[in-house]
């Protein structure tokens, strides 16, 4: 999961950056990509947290 999600995060970040070059940061397209990026980053960190918790429980 990790490499694919990181690739998606990077792709969305680049997409948002590209759109923002020609638009205002409050443009609906920039905001939409930013929100998608936020959701994906949150998903990644939640996955990492769960992975860490499983690893920690095994050691206890």
Protein backbone atom coordinates (compact mmCIF):
# COMPACT_ATOMS: atom_id res chain seq x y z
CA UNK A 1 0.00 0.00 0.00
CA UNK A 2 2.68 2.48 0.98
CA UNK A 3 4.42 3.07 -2.38
CA UNK A 4 1.14 3.41 -4.31
CA UNK A 5 -0.34 5.87 -1.81
CA UNK A 6 2.83 7.92 -1.76
CA UNK A 7 2.77 8.05 -5.56
CA UNK A 8 -0.87 9.18 -5.48
CA UNK A 9 -0.04 11.84 -2.89
CA UNK A 10 2.80 13.15 -5.03
CA UNK A 11 0.65 13.13 -8.17
CA UNK A 12 -2.13 15.09 -6.46
CA UNK A 13 0.36 17.53 -4.99
CA UNK A 14 1.81 18.19 -8.44
CA UNK A 15 -1.67 18.51 -9.93
CA UNK A 16 -2.69 21.03 -7.29
CA UNK A 17 0.53 22.97 -7.78
CA UNK A 18 0.01 23.06 -11.55
CA UNK A 19 -3.58 24.28 -11.26
CA UNK A 20 -2.59 26.90 -8.68
CA UNK A 21 -0.04 28.41 -11.06
CA UNK A 22 -2.85 29.79 -13.23
CA UNK A 23 -5.59 30.13 -10.64
CA UNK A 24 -6.17 31.72 -7.26
CA UNK A 25 -5.62 29.41 -4.29
CA UNK A 26 -9.33 29.71 -3.48
CA UNK A 27 -10.35 28.56 -6.96
CA UNK A 28 -12.76 25.62 -6.64
CA UNK A 29 -10.47 23.34 -8.65
CA UNK A 30 -7.51 24.04 -6.38
CA UNK A 31 -9.66 23.53 -3.30
CA UNK A 32 -11.08 20.26 -4.65
CA UNK A 33 -7.63 18.78 -5.34
CA UNK A 34 -6.42 20.05 -1.96
CA UNK A 35 -9.30 18.29 -0.22
CA UNK A 36 -8.61 15.05 -2.10
CA UNK A 37 -4.97 15.36 -1.12
CA UNK A 38 -5.90 15.91 2.54
CA UNK A 39 -8.06 12.79 2.54
CA UNK A 40 -5.31 10.71 1.00
CA UNK A 41 -2.70 11.99 3.46
CA UNK A 42 -5.05 11.25 6.36
CA UNK A 43 -5.63 7.75 5.00
CA UNK A 44 -1.89 7.20 4.74
CA UNK A 45 -1.23 8.36 8.32
CA UNK A 46 -4.12 6.29 9.66
CA UNK A 47 -2.67 3.23 7.93
CA UNK A 48 0.77 3.99 9.35
CA UNK A 49 -0.68 4.44 12.84
CA UNK A 50 -2.55 1.13 12.68
CA UNK A 51 0.57 -0.59 11.37
CA UNK A 52 2.63 0.86 14.24
CA UNK A 53 0.00 -0.19 16.80
CA UNK A 54 -0.02 -3.78 15.49
CA UNK A 55 3.76 -3.89 15.63
CA UNK A 56 3.78 -2.45 19.16
CA UNK A 57 1.18 -4.97 20.40
CA UNK A 58 3.28 -7.86 19.08
CA UNK A 59 6.26 -6.68 21.12
CA UNK A 60 4.26 -6.30 24.33
